[in-house]
N, C-alpha and C. Protein backbone atom coordinates (compact mmCIF):
# COMPACT_ATOMS: atom_id res chain seq x y z
N UNK A 1 -86.19 81.03 -5.76
CA UNK A 1 -86.44 80.41 -4.50
C UNK A 1 -87.93 80.19 -4.24
N UNK A 2 -88.27 79.21 -3.61
CA UNK A 2 -89.68 78.87 -3.30
C UNK A 2 -90.08 79.69 -2.12
N UNK A 3 -91.41 79.97 -2.00
CA UNK A 3 -91.96 80.60 -0.81
C UNK A 3 -91.79 79.72 0.40
N UNK A 4 -91.62 80.37 1.53
CA UNK A 4 -91.47 79.62 2.82
C UNK A 4 -92.85 79.15 3.27
N UNK A 5 -93.27 77.96 2.85
CA UNK A 5 -94.60 77.49 3.14
C UNK A 5 -94.58 76.25 4.02
N UNK A 6 -95.64 76.02 4.81
CA UNK A 6 -95.71 74.88 5.61
C UNK A 6 -96.70 73.92 4.89
N UNK A 7 -96.27 72.67 4.63
CA UNK A 7 -97.14 71.65 4.02
C UNK A 7 -97.48 70.59 5.09
N UNK A 8 -98.76 70.31 5.33
CA UNK A 8 -99.17 69.29 6.17
C UNK A 8 -99.21 68.00 5.49
N UNK A 9 -98.56 66.96 6.09
CA UNK A 9 -98.46 65.62 5.49
C UNK A 9 -98.94 64.65 6.58
N UNK A 10 -99.90 63.80 6.21
CA UNK A 10 -100.43 62.85 7.15
C UNK A 10 -99.73 61.49 6.93
N UNK A 11 -99.62 60.66 8.01
CA UNK A 11 -99.05 59.37 7.90
C UNK A 11 -97.50 59.40 7.88
N UNK A 12 -96.87 58.32 7.46
CA UNK A 12 -95.44 58.21 7.44
C UNK A 12 -94.80 59.16 6.42
N UNK A 13 -93.74 59.78 6.85
CA UNK A 13 -93.05 60.75 5.93
C UNK A 13 -91.90 60.12 5.19
N UNK A 14 -91.94 60.31 3.85
CA UNK A 14 -90.88 59.77 2.97
C UNK A 14 -90.11 61.08 2.52
N UNK A 15 -88.99 61.35 3.14
CA UNK A 15 -88.29 62.56 2.85
C UNK A 15 -87.81 62.56 1.43
N UNK A 16 -87.24 61.39 0.92
CA UNK A 16 -86.75 61.30 -0.42
C UNK A 16 -87.84 61.65 -1.45
N UNK A 17 -89.09 61.16 -1.18
CA UNK A 17 -90.21 61.41 -2.07
C UNK A 17 -90.56 62.91 -2.07
N UNK A 18 -90.42 63.53 -0.90
CA UNK A 18 -90.73 64.95 -0.84
C UNK A 18 -89.80 65.75 -1.67
N UNK A 19 -88.50 65.40 -1.56
CA UNK A 19 -87.44 66.14 -2.30
C UNK A 19 -87.72 65.92 -3.82
N UNK A 20 -87.97 64.66 -4.26
CA UNK A 20 -88.24 64.45 -5.67
C UNK A 20 -89.43 65.29 -6.17
N UNK A 21 -90.55 65.32 -5.38
CA UNK A 21 -91.69 66.05 -5.72
C UNK A 21 -91.41 67.50 -5.88
N UNK A 22 -90.72 68.06 -4.92
CA UNK A 22 -90.40 69.50 -4.96
C UNK A 22 -89.36 69.95 -6.03
N UNK A 23 -88.35 69.06 -6.15
CA UNK A 23 -87.31 69.47 -7.08
C UNK A 23 -87.65 69.25 -8.53
N UNK A 24 -88.31 68.11 -8.83
CA UNK A 24 -88.55 67.80 -10.29
C UNK A 24 -89.95 68.17 -10.80
N UNK A 25 -91.01 67.89 -10.02
CA UNK A 25 -92.34 68.08 -10.52
C UNK A 25 -92.78 69.56 -10.35
N UNK A 26 -92.34 70.15 -9.26
CA UNK A 26 -92.81 71.57 -8.96
C UNK A 26 -91.77 72.58 -9.49
N UNK A 27 -90.47 72.30 -9.44
CA UNK A 27 -89.47 73.28 -9.72
C UNK A 27 -88.72 73.06 -11.07
N UNK A 28 -88.78 71.88 -11.57
CA UNK A 28 -88.10 71.58 -12.86
C UNK A 28 -86.68 71.09 -12.62
N UNK A 29 -86.25 70.25 -13.48
CA UNK A 29 -84.91 69.61 -13.37
C UNK A 29 -83.81 70.60 -13.30
N UNK A 30 -83.96 71.73 -14.08
CA UNK A 30 -82.88 72.72 -14.15
C UNK A 30 -82.75 73.58 -12.99
N UNK A 31 -83.66 73.52 -12.07
CA UNK A 31 -83.66 74.36 -10.83
C UNK A 31 -82.71 73.75 -9.79
N UNK A 32 -81.64 74.53 -9.48
CA UNK A 32 -80.60 74.02 -8.60
C UNK A 32 -80.59 74.85 -7.28
N UNK A 33 -81.67 75.47 -6.93
CA UNK A 33 -81.72 76.18 -5.70
C UNK A 33 -81.81 75.21 -4.52
N UNK A 34 -81.27 75.65 -3.33
CA UNK A 34 -81.21 74.76 -2.18
C UNK A 34 -82.66 74.61 -1.66
N UNK A 35 -82.85 73.38 -1.05
CA UNK A 35 -84.14 73.01 -0.55
C UNK A 35 -83.93 72.11 0.75
N UNK A 36 -84.65 72.41 1.75
CA UNK A 36 -84.57 71.47 2.91
C UNK A 36 -85.96 71.20 3.46
N UNK A 37 -86.04 70.14 4.19
CA UNK A 37 -87.32 69.68 4.83
C UNK A 37 -87.17 69.76 6.31
N UNK A 38 -88.14 70.41 6.97
CA UNK A 38 -88.07 70.51 8.43
C UNK A 38 -89.39 70.00 8.95
N UNK A 39 -89.35 68.99 9.89
CA UNK A 39 -90.54 68.38 10.44
C UNK A 39 -90.92 69.17 11.68
N UNK A 40 -91.87 70.07 11.57
CA UNK A 40 -92.21 70.92 12.66
C UNK A 40 -92.97 70.09 13.79
N UNK A 41 -93.56 69.01 13.40
CA UNK A 41 -94.12 68.15 14.40
C UNK A 41 -93.14 67.62 15.36
N UNK A 42 -91.94 67.32 14.79
CA UNK A 42 -90.83 66.78 15.67
C UNK A 42 -90.34 67.88 16.59
N UNK A 43 -90.33 69.15 16.16
CA UNK A 43 -89.94 70.30 16.97
C UNK A 43 -90.92 70.36 18.20
N UNK A 44 -92.17 70.28 17.88
CA UNK A 44 -93.23 70.31 18.88
C UNK A 44 -93.03 69.13 19.92
N UNK A 45 -92.76 67.92 19.35
CA UNK A 45 -92.67 66.72 20.19
C UNK A 45 -91.47 66.94 21.15
N UNK A 46 -90.41 67.42 20.67
CA UNK A 46 -89.19 67.58 21.55
C UNK A 46 -89.44 68.64 22.62
N UNK A 47 -90.20 69.65 22.28
CA UNK A 47 -90.57 70.70 23.25
C UNK A 47 -91.44 70.10 24.35
N UNK A 48 -92.42 69.27 23.97
CA UNK A 48 -93.26 68.60 25.03
C UNK A 48 -92.50 67.61 25.83
N UNK A 49 -91.57 66.95 25.26
CA UNK A 49 -90.76 66.00 25.99
C UNK A 49 -89.88 66.75 27.09
N UNK A 50 -89.29 67.87 26.65
CA UNK A 50 -88.58 68.69 27.60
C UNK A 50 -89.49 69.16 28.76
N UNK A 51 -90.63 69.65 28.47
CA UNK A 51 -91.55 70.07 29.55
C UNK A 51 -92.01 68.95 30.43
N UNK A 52 -92.11 67.76 29.91
CA UNK A 52 -92.51 66.60 30.68
C UNK A 52 -91.40 66.11 31.60
N UNK A 53 -90.20 66.04 31.09
CA UNK A 53 -89.00 65.55 31.86
C UNK A 53 -88.43 66.58 32.76
N UNK A 54 -88.46 67.85 32.37
CA UNK A 54 -87.84 68.93 33.25
C UNK A 54 -88.89 70.05 33.39
N UNK A 55 -89.96 69.75 34.15
CA UNK A 55 -91.05 70.78 34.23
C UNK A 55 -90.69 72.07 34.90
N UNK A 56 -89.63 72.05 35.70
CA UNK A 56 -89.26 73.32 36.39
C UNK A 56 -88.20 74.12 35.51
N UNK A 57 -87.76 73.62 34.45
CA UNK A 57 -86.77 74.25 33.60
C UNK A 57 -87.38 74.78 32.32
N UNK A 58 -87.44 76.09 32.16
CA UNK A 58 -87.99 76.70 30.98
C UNK A 58 -86.98 76.75 29.89
N UNK A 59 -87.30 76.09 28.66
CA UNK A 59 -86.31 76.11 27.60
C UNK A 59 -86.24 77.51 26.88
N UNK A 60 -85.04 77.94 26.59
CA UNK A 60 -84.82 79.10 25.74
C UNK A 60 -84.15 78.64 24.45
N UNK A 61 -84.77 78.77 23.36
CA UNK A 61 -84.30 78.25 22.09
C UNK A 61 -83.30 79.22 21.50
N UNK A 62 -82.07 78.70 21.12
CA UNK A 62 -81.01 79.53 20.53
C UNK A 62 -81.34 79.84 19.05
N UNK A 63 -81.59 81.05 18.71
CA UNK A 63 -81.92 81.39 17.34
C UNK A 63 -80.83 81.03 16.38
N UNK A 64 -79.53 81.16 16.84
CA UNK A 64 -78.43 80.84 15.91
C UNK A 64 -78.45 79.38 15.51
N UNK A 65 -79.21 78.55 16.17
CA UNK A 65 -79.26 77.05 15.77
C UNK A 65 -80.01 76.93 14.52
N UNK A 66 -81.11 77.60 14.37
CA UNK A 66 -81.96 77.58 13.14
C UNK A 66 -82.93 78.68 13.24
N UNK A 67 -82.75 79.74 12.43
CA UNK A 67 -83.64 80.96 12.56
C UNK A 67 -84.70 80.98 11.54
N UNK A 68 -85.14 79.80 11.03
CA UNK A 68 -86.29 79.71 10.13
C UNK A 68 -87.51 80.29 10.79
N UNK A 69 -88.27 81.05 10.08
CA UNK A 69 -89.43 81.72 10.60
C UNK A 69 -90.49 80.69 11.11
N UNK A 70 -90.64 79.55 10.42
CA UNK A 70 -91.64 78.60 10.86
C UNK A 70 -91.25 77.94 12.19
N UNK A 71 -89.98 77.68 12.40
CA UNK A 71 -89.50 77.12 13.64
C UNK A 71 -89.79 78.09 14.82
N UNK A 72 -89.38 79.37 14.52
CA UNK A 72 -89.63 80.39 15.62
C UNK A 72 -91.06 80.55 15.87
N UNK A 73 -91.95 80.55 14.87
CA UNK A 73 -93.34 80.73 14.97
C UNK A 73 -93.95 79.65 15.85
N UNK A 74 -93.56 78.41 15.57
CA UNK A 74 -94.15 77.28 16.35
C UNK A 74 -93.71 77.36 17.82
N UNK A 75 -92.46 77.64 18.06
CA UNK A 75 -91.89 77.70 19.48
C UNK A 75 -92.52 78.90 20.17
N UNK A 76 -92.78 79.97 19.45
CA UNK A 76 -93.39 81.14 20.09
C UNK A 76 -94.82 80.83 20.51
N UNK A 77 -95.56 80.04 19.66
CA UNK A 77 -96.92 79.64 20.07
C UNK A 77 -96.94 78.68 21.29
N UNK A 78 -95.86 77.89 21.36
CA UNK A 78 -95.85 76.91 22.42
C UNK A 78 -95.46 77.52 23.79
N UNK A 79 -94.92 78.73 23.68
CA UNK A 79 -94.53 79.42 24.92
C UNK A 79 -93.10 79.38 25.29
N UNK A 80 -92.24 78.96 24.36
CA UNK A 80 -90.80 78.81 24.69
C UNK A 80 -90.17 80.16 24.86
N UNK A 81 -89.02 80.16 25.56
CA UNK A 81 -88.22 81.33 25.62
C UNK A 81 -87.20 81.32 24.51
N UNK A 82 -86.47 82.48 24.28
CA UNK A 82 -85.55 82.51 23.13
C UNK A 82 -84.21 83.13 23.55
N UNK A 83 -83.10 82.52 23.08
CA UNK A 83 -81.80 82.92 23.30
C UNK A 83 -81.29 83.69 22.09
N UNK A 84 -81.13 84.98 22.20
CA UNK A 84 -80.69 85.80 21.09
C UNK A 84 -79.31 86.35 21.29
N UNK A 85 -78.54 86.48 20.17
CA UNK A 85 -77.18 86.99 20.36
C UNK A 85 -76.95 88.29 19.68
N UNK A 86 -78.03 88.92 19.10
CA UNK A 86 -77.88 90.23 18.45
C UNK A 86 -79.21 90.93 18.34
N UNK A 87 -79.17 92.15 17.96
CA UNK A 87 -80.42 92.91 17.76
C UNK A 87 -81.21 92.39 16.63
N UNK A 88 -80.58 91.81 15.62
CA UNK A 88 -81.30 91.26 14.52
C UNK A 88 -82.09 90.02 15.00
N UNK A 89 -81.45 89.25 15.83
CA UNK A 89 -82.18 87.99 16.35
C UNK A 89 -83.33 88.44 17.29
N UNK A 90 -83.08 89.48 18.14
CA UNK A 90 -84.13 89.95 18.91
C UNK A 90 -85.37 90.43 18.14
N UNK A 91 -85.11 91.21 17.13
CA UNK A 91 -86.18 91.63 16.25
C UNK A 91 -86.98 90.47 15.59
N UNK A 92 -86.21 89.43 15.19
CA UNK A 92 -86.80 88.29 14.55
C UNK A 92 -87.77 87.62 15.45
N UNK A 93 -87.50 87.56 16.76
CA UNK A 93 -88.44 86.97 17.70
C UNK A 93 -89.53 87.83 18.05
N UNK A 94 -89.27 89.13 18.33
CA UNK A 94 -90.32 90.06 18.68
C UNK A 94 -91.46 90.17 17.68
N UNK A 95 -91.12 89.94 16.37
CA UNK A 95 -92.12 90.12 15.35
C UNK A 95 -93.31 89.08 15.45
N UNK A 96 -93.04 87.98 16.19
CA UNK A 96 -94.03 86.95 16.43
C UNK A 96 -94.81 87.13 17.73
N UNK A 97 -94.76 88.30 18.30
CA UNK A 97 -95.54 88.59 19.46
C UNK A 97 -94.96 88.01 20.75
N UNK A 98 -93.67 87.62 20.71
CA UNK A 98 -93.03 87.14 21.96
C UNK A 98 -92.74 88.32 22.83
N UNK A 99 -93.11 88.20 24.14
CA UNK A 99 -92.87 89.33 25.05
C UNK A 99 -91.36 89.36 25.41
N UNK A 100 -90.88 90.56 25.73
CA UNK A 100 -89.48 90.71 25.98
C UNK A 100 -88.97 89.92 27.16
N UNK A 101 -89.83 89.60 28.12
CA UNK A 101 -89.35 88.79 29.24
C UNK A 101 -89.15 87.32 28.90
N UNK A 102 -89.40 86.93 27.66
CA UNK A 102 -89.16 85.58 27.19
C UNK A 102 -87.88 85.50 26.35
N UNK A 103 -87.08 86.57 26.41
CA UNK A 103 -85.81 86.64 25.64
C UNK A 103 -84.63 86.92 26.63
N UNK A 104 -83.48 86.18 26.34
CA UNK A 104 -82.32 86.45 27.05
C UNK A 104 -81.29 86.84 25.96
N UNK A 105 -80.66 88.02 26.15
CA UNK A 105 -79.60 88.54 25.23
C UNK A 105 -78.33 87.82 25.61
N UNK A 106 -78.08 86.60 25.10
CA UNK A 106 -77.03 85.77 25.61
C UNK A 106 -75.76 85.89 24.82
N UNK A 107 -75.20 87.15 24.75
CA UNK A 107 -73.99 87.41 24.08
C UNK A 107 -73.11 88.14 25.14
N UNK A 108 -72.02 87.51 25.54
CA UNK A 108 -71.22 88.12 26.60
C UNK A 108 -70.39 89.32 26.14
N UNK A 109 -70.36 89.55 24.83
CA UNK A 109 -69.49 90.65 24.24
C UNK A 109 -70.43 91.38 23.28
N UNK A 110 -71.26 92.31 23.82
CA UNK A 110 -72.35 92.96 23.04
C UNK A 110 -71.87 94.33 22.51
N UNK A 111 -72.10 94.70 21.26
CA UNK A 111 -71.85 96.03 20.78
C UNK A 111 -72.75 97.07 21.57
N UNK A 112 -72.30 98.29 21.71
CA UNK A 112 -73.01 99.30 22.43
C UNK A 112 -74.40 99.49 21.83
N UNK A 113 -74.42 99.56 20.47
CA UNK A 113 -75.68 99.76 19.75
C UNK A 113 -76.69 98.66 20.03
N UNK A 114 -76.25 97.45 20.28
CA UNK A 114 -77.15 96.30 20.54
C UNK A 114 -77.63 96.38 21.93
N UNK A 115 -76.88 96.87 22.91
CA UNK A 115 -77.38 97.09 24.22
C UNK A 115 -78.46 98.10 24.26
N UNK A 116 -78.18 99.23 23.48
CA UNK A 116 -79.19 100.29 23.40
C UNK A 116 -80.49 99.78 22.79
N UNK A 117 -80.36 98.87 21.84
CA UNK A 117 -81.60 98.28 21.24
C UNK A 117 -82.24 97.40 22.19
N UNK A 118 -81.54 96.67 22.99
CA UNK A 118 -82.15 95.83 24.08
C UNK A 118 -82.92 96.72 25.05
N UNK A 119 -82.39 97.80 25.40
CA UNK A 119 -83.01 98.72 26.35
C UNK A 119 -84.29 99.27 25.70
N UNK A 120 -84.25 99.60 24.43
CA UNK A 120 -85.39 100.21 23.74
C UNK A 120 -86.50 99.18 23.60
N UNK A 121 -86.18 97.93 23.53
CA UNK A 121 -87.21 96.84 23.41
C UNK A 121 -87.52 96.19 24.68
N UNK A 122 -86.89 96.66 25.71
CA UNK A 122 -87.14 96.11 27.12
C UNK A 122 -86.71 94.70 27.31
N UNK A 123 -85.63 94.30 26.48
CA UNK A 123 -85.02 92.98 26.75
C UNK A 123 -83.98 93.14 27.80
N UNK A 124 -84.36 92.95 29.05
CA UNK A 124 -83.42 93.26 30.08
C UNK A 124 -82.56 92.12 30.57
N UNK A 125 -82.94 90.92 30.26
CA UNK A 125 -82.12 89.76 30.71
C UNK A 125 -80.94 89.58 29.76
N UNK A 126 -79.73 89.65 30.31
CA UNK A 126 -78.54 89.45 29.48
C UNK A 126 -77.33 88.98 30.16
N UNK A 127 -76.41 88.38 29.46
CA UNK A 127 -75.22 87.76 30.04
C UNK A 127 -74.04 88.68 30.08
N UNK A 128 -73.07 88.35 31.01
CA UNK A 128 -71.84 89.01 30.99
C UNK A 128 -70.71 88.08 31.55
N UNK A 129 -69.49 88.36 31.22
CA UNK A 129 -68.38 87.52 31.83
C UNK A 129 -67.14 88.34 32.02
N UNK A 130 -67.27 89.67 32.05
CA UNK A 130 -66.08 90.59 32.17
C UNK A 130 -66.40 91.89 32.77
N UNK A 131 -65.41 92.57 33.35
CA UNK A 131 -65.66 93.86 33.94
C UNK A 131 -65.97 94.92 32.85
N UNK A 132 -65.38 94.72 31.73
CA UNK A 132 -65.66 95.62 30.56
C UNK A 132 -67.05 95.68 30.21
N UNK A 133 -67.67 94.47 30.14
CA UNK A 133 -69.11 94.32 29.79
C UNK A 133 -69.94 94.97 30.85
N UNK A 134 -69.63 94.82 32.10
CA UNK A 134 -70.40 95.43 33.16
C UNK A 134 -70.39 96.92 33.08
N UNK A 135 -69.30 97.45 32.76
CA UNK A 135 -69.11 98.88 32.65
C UNK A 135 -69.90 99.44 31.53
N UNK A 136 -69.95 98.70 30.38
CA UNK A 136 -70.82 99.09 29.23
C UNK A 136 -72.31 99.11 29.65
N UNK A 137 -72.71 98.04 30.26
CA UNK A 137 -74.10 97.89 30.61
C UNK A 137 -74.52 98.95 31.65
N UNK A 138 -73.64 99.26 32.62
CA UNK A 138 -73.96 100.29 33.59
C UNK A 138 -74.16 101.64 32.96
N UNK A 139 -73.39 101.88 31.94
CA UNK A 139 -73.52 103.13 31.24
C UNK A 139 -74.78 103.27 30.37
N UNK A 140 -75.08 102.19 29.72
CA UNK A 140 -76.19 102.22 28.68
C UNK A 140 -77.50 101.73 29.28
N UNK A 141 -77.52 100.65 30.01
CA UNK A 141 -78.75 100.04 30.37
C UNK A 141 -78.63 99.53 31.85
N UNK A 142 -78.51 100.41 32.82
CA UNK A 142 -78.30 100.02 34.25
C UNK A 142 -79.41 99.21 34.81
N UNK A 143 -80.64 99.21 34.23
CA UNK A 143 -81.81 98.48 34.75
C UNK A 143 -81.72 97.05 34.34
N UNK A 144 -80.73 96.61 33.49
CA UNK A 144 -80.63 95.24 33.03
C UNK A 144 -80.55 94.26 34.15
N UNK A 145 -81.12 93.01 33.92
CA UNK A 145 -80.96 91.96 34.82
C UNK A 145 -79.91 91.00 34.30
N UNK A 146 -78.87 90.84 35.07
CA UNK A 146 -77.68 90.16 34.53
C UNK A 146 -77.53 88.71 34.94
N UNK A 147 -76.92 87.97 33.96
CA UNK A 147 -76.57 86.57 34.25
C UNK A 147 -75.08 86.32 34.02
N UNK A 148 -74.41 85.89 35.01
CA UNK A 148 -72.98 85.71 34.96
C UNK A 148 -72.72 84.40 34.22
N UNK A 149 -71.92 84.51 33.19
CA UNK A 149 -71.52 83.26 32.45
C UNK A 149 -70.20 82.75 32.88
N UNK A 150 -70.22 81.48 33.48
CA UNK A 150 -68.97 80.84 33.89
C UNK A 150 -68.50 79.90 32.80
N UNK A 151 -67.26 79.47 32.99
CA UNK A 151 -66.64 78.53 32.02
C UNK A 151 -66.66 77.12 32.59
N UNK A 152 -67.11 76.20 31.78
CA UNK A 152 -66.99 74.80 32.20
C UNK A 152 -67.03 73.97 30.89
N UNK A 153 -65.83 73.71 30.38
CA UNK A 153 -65.68 73.04 29.09
C UNK A 153 -65.91 71.52 29.13
N UNK A 154 -66.60 71.02 28.13
CA UNK A 154 -66.66 69.58 27.98
C UNK A 154 -65.36 69.00 27.49
N UNK A 155 -64.99 67.79 27.88
CA UNK A 155 -63.81 67.17 27.37
C UNK A 155 -63.90 66.91 25.93
N UNK A 156 -65.12 66.60 25.45
CA UNK A 156 -65.33 66.28 24.03
C UNK A 156 -66.52 67.08 23.54
N UNK A 157 -66.30 68.01 22.54
CA UNK A 157 -67.31 68.79 21.99
C UNK A 157 -66.95 69.16 20.57
N UNK A 158 -67.90 69.34 19.65
CA UNK A 158 -67.53 69.70 18.29
C UNK A 158 -66.92 71.10 18.23
N UNK A 159 -67.49 72.00 19.00
CA UNK A 159 -66.97 73.42 19.07
C UNK A 159 -66.84 73.78 20.47
N UNK A 160 -65.54 74.09 20.92
CA UNK A 160 -65.31 74.58 22.27
C UNK A 160 -65.45 76.08 22.30
N UNK A 161 -66.27 76.62 23.18
CA UNK A 161 -66.53 78.00 23.33
C UNK A 161 -65.77 78.68 24.51
N UNK A 162 -65.22 77.82 25.39
CA UNK A 162 -64.54 78.34 26.58
C UNK A 162 -63.38 79.23 26.33
N UNK A 163 -62.73 79.03 25.16
CA UNK A 163 -61.63 79.94 24.77
C UNK A 163 -62.02 81.33 24.51
N UNK A 164 -63.30 81.52 24.23
CA UNK A 164 -63.76 82.90 23.91
C UNK A 164 -64.57 83.51 25.01
N UNK A 165 -65.59 82.69 25.58
CA UNK A 165 -66.50 83.21 26.58
C UNK A 165 -66.44 82.43 27.90
N UNK A 166 -66.93 83.10 28.94
CA UNK A 166 -67.04 82.47 30.25
C UNK A 166 -65.88 82.82 31.14
N UNK A 167 -66.18 83.11 32.43
CA UNK A 167 -65.16 83.42 33.39
C UNK A 167 -64.84 82.20 34.25
N UNK A 168 -63.71 82.21 34.92
CA UNK A 168 -63.36 81.12 35.86
C UNK A 168 -64.28 81.25 37.04
N UNK A 169 -65.01 80.13 37.38
CA UNK A 169 -66.02 80.31 38.48
C UNK A 169 -65.44 80.48 39.86
N UNK A 170 -64.14 80.07 40.03
CA UNK A 170 -63.51 80.18 41.31
C UNK A 170 -62.76 81.46 41.56
N UNK A 171 -61.93 81.83 40.59
CA UNK A 171 -61.07 83.06 40.69
C UNK A 171 -61.72 84.31 40.22
N UNK A 172 -62.44 84.24 39.09
CA UNK A 172 -62.97 85.51 38.49
C UNK A 172 -64.38 85.84 38.94
N UNK A 173 -65.17 84.79 39.09
CA UNK A 173 -66.62 85.02 39.33
C UNK A 173 -66.89 85.93 40.51
N UNK A 174 -66.27 85.58 41.72
CA UNK A 174 -66.51 86.40 42.91
C UNK A 174 -66.17 87.87 42.72
N UNK A 175 -65.09 88.12 42.00
CA UNK A 175 -64.67 89.54 41.74
C UNK A 175 -65.69 90.21 40.84
N UNK A 176 -66.17 89.50 39.85
CA UNK A 176 -67.13 90.09 38.96
C UNK A 176 -68.46 90.40 39.63
N UNK A 177 -68.87 89.57 40.53
CA UNK A 177 -70.06 89.77 41.33
C UNK A 177 -69.90 91.05 42.19
N UNK A 178 -68.76 91.20 42.81
CA UNK A 178 -68.50 92.38 43.58
C UNK A 178 -68.52 93.60 42.69
N UNK A 179 -67.90 93.53 41.50
CA UNK A 179 -67.94 94.61 40.59
C UNK A 179 -69.31 95.08 40.21
N UNK A 180 -70.17 94.05 39.96
CA UNK A 180 -71.59 94.31 39.59
C UNK A 180 -72.24 95.03 40.77
N UNK A 181 -71.99 94.61 42.02
CA UNK A 181 -72.66 95.23 43.16
C UNK A 181 -72.18 96.65 43.36
N UNK A 182 -70.87 96.93 43.11
CA UNK A 182 -70.28 98.23 43.26
C UNK A 182 -70.89 99.22 42.22
N UNK A 183 -71.22 98.66 41.04
CA UNK A 183 -71.78 99.48 39.96
C UNK A 183 -73.27 99.66 40.11
N UNK A 184 -73.86 99.04 41.10
CA UNK A 184 -75.29 99.11 41.26
C UNK A 184 -76.16 98.30 40.32
N UNK A 185 -75.48 97.27 39.78
CA UNK A 185 -76.22 96.43 38.81
C UNK A 185 -76.81 95.16 39.51
N UNK A 186 -77.83 94.62 38.86
CA UNK A 186 -78.56 93.44 39.42
C UNK A 186 -78.22 92.18 38.74
N UNK A 187 -77.60 91.26 39.49
CA UNK A 187 -77.32 89.91 38.98
C UNK A 187 -78.39 88.92 39.46
N UNK A 188 -78.99 88.28 38.50
CA UNK A 188 -80.14 87.41 38.82
C UNK A 188 -79.84 85.84 38.59
N UNK A 189 -78.69 85.52 38.10
CA UNK A 189 -78.42 84.15 37.85
C UNK A 189 -77.03 83.81 37.26
N UNK A 190 -76.83 82.59 37.05
CA UNK A 190 -75.58 82.06 36.47
C UNK A 190 -75.89 81.25 35.25
N UNK A 191 -75.05 81.31 34.21
CA UNK A 191 -75.15 80.51 33.03
C UNK A 191 -73.86 79.83 32.59
N UNK A 192 -73.91 78.88 31.78
CA UNK A 192 -72.69 78.20 31.28
C UNK A 192 -72.98 77.59 29.95
N UNK A 193 -71.92 77.39 29.21
CA UNK A 193 -72.01 76.70 27.84
C UNK A 193 -70.97 75.72 27.81
N UNK A 194 -71.23 74.39 27.75
CA UNK A 194 -70.21 73.36 27.76
C UNK A 194 -69.59 73.15 26.40
N UNK A 195 -70.12 73.80 25.38
CA UNK A 195 -69.62 73.62 24.01
C UNK A 195 -70.65 73.02 23.12
N UNK A 196 -70.64 73.36 21.78
CA UNK A 196 -71.62 72.85 20.92
C UNK A 196 -71.33 71.44 20.50
N UNK A 197 -72.34 70.60 20.38
CA UNK A 197 -72.14 69.20 20.05
C UNK A 197 -71.44 68.45 21.17
N UNK A 198 -71.86 68.71 22.36
CA UNK A 198 -71.17 68.08 23.55
C UNK A 198 -71.33 66.57 23.56
N UNK A 199 -70.20 65.92 23.71
CA UNK A 199 -70.19 64.39 23.77
C UNK A 199 -69.76 63.94 25.19
N UNK A 200 -69.92 64.82 26.10
CA UNK A 200 -69.44 64.58 27.53
C UNK A 200 -70.57 64.94 28.49
N UNK A 201 -71.69 64.15 28.54
CA UNK A 201 -72.82 64.48 29.40
C UNK A 201 -72.48 64.88 30.87
N UNK A 202 -71.59 64.13 31.50
CA UNK A 202 -71.29 64.46 32.89
C UNK A 202 -70.87 65.89 33.15
N UNK A 203 -70.46 66.64 32.11
CA UNK A 203 -69.96 67.96 32.33
C UNK A 203 -71.10 68.84 32.78
N UNK A 204 -72.31 68.52 32.43
CA UNK A 204 -73.50 69.34 32.89
C UNK A 204 -73.60 69.28 34.43
N UNK A 205 -73.44 68.08 34.99
CA UNK A 205 -73.49 67.95 36.46
C UNK A 205 -72.39 68.78 37.09
N UNK A 206 -71.14 68.73 36.49
CA UNK A 206 -70.02 69.49 36.99
C UNK A 206 -70.30 70.98 36.95
N UNK A 207 -70.84 71.46 35.85
CA UNK A 207 -71.16 72.88 35.69
C UNK A 207 -72.20 73.37 36.74
N UNK A 208 -73.23 72.55 36.92
CA UNK A 208 -74.29 72.91 37.84
C UNK A 208 -73.76 72.88 39.33
N UNK A 209 -72.90 71.95 39.63
CA UNK A 209 -72.23 71.86 40.92
C UNK A 209 -71.39 73.16 41.20
């Protein structure tokens, strides 16, 4: 495998030419290891567009989308927040000097050991969508700042996540908020996931409403 290096290229980018250069001239025809090209300038451009169009909304990048070190390093330098689903992902972000308050532990079903790790690294912002999760957090990390995940599914999405995560906002959410209060826990917000590869933009309006 090649070292994970950043190559600066000026002018128009010819992806096919880059692949030919890396595969045949640098690695040899017999080398069949995987190779991909990532335009970090495009990552930066999209971050700046987000900040311009939605200045009041701080983006949290989901590590599960692409956990390449260079992508994380660039977004860390830009000041982005990070959405982590495990202690491995938390550690991957922390190694680039990201402060714990820029991380949300966005897994509604966290193993006990991962909650303990979040407490040890002071990653206090985390999601929940069930009474069981509240009881675990109260036992292990009662100082956590909680975000209730509600369910609002897109009509069309590549991957529907509502079957696994998220509570009903009308029937279940009020009861969970009461449970959190009774346990002495602090709820600081609401979250939702309309599904990966959403092809139903109006669902965001519905979820926010």
